[in-house]
Amino acid sequence: MSYLDESELAALGFQAIGENVLISERASIYGAGKICLGNHVRIDDFCILSAGEGGIRLGSYIHIAAYSSIIGAGRVTIDDFANFSSRVSLYSSSDDYSGRFMTNPMVPDEYKQVDMRPVHVGRHVIIGSGSIILPGVTLHDGSAVAALSLVKSDCDAFGIFGGAPARRIGTRDRNLLELERKFLRKDQETE
């Protein structure tokens, strides 16, 4: 995988960009002026980040694996240490499928009804391959989403969720919080 160099990253025009940001040259970025990237962020091949009016904010130590997408007009916030497995799709806006309105971006807004709500992915959230996150969802700190899940409502902190629609199927260990403290202490000592 080849990553964009510093000049190529700068040319994209991000609102803010931290240190050690690795974005595949095969990723697609739309609305970079509304995207903020923290430190130690990696975005792999064939990912799509498409920021609408709400923008996208990624914290630090974030990984977004191949073929994942973050799309929509609503605000998307992804906190530190979050991890997207391959083919995760996160949407902060969606057309109305009822038939009362028309759909698709080529139709003028006056004929459409778009559900536009913020999506928040908390610290240490992990989302399994092929999962879909819909507008308005909050994945609270430490929650885990099993592969191939459809998340249309909030997920409690340190819960494990799976299915379509996703429901709570277990509890995640909080030991990772102690590991985070050790990691950050060690990271600060090396600076």
Foldseek 3Di string as FASTA:
>chain_A
DDFDDPVRVVVVQACEEEEPETERPQEAEAPRPQEYYEEAEHEDHHEYEHEACQGEYEYHCEYADAQEYEDERHYEYEYEAEYEYHNEYEYQKDWDPPPQADDDPVDDPVRTDMRGAYEYEEHNEYEAACEYHYHPEYAYAQEYEYHNEYDDYYHDHQFYWYDDPIDTDGGHDPVVVVVVVVVVVVVVVVD
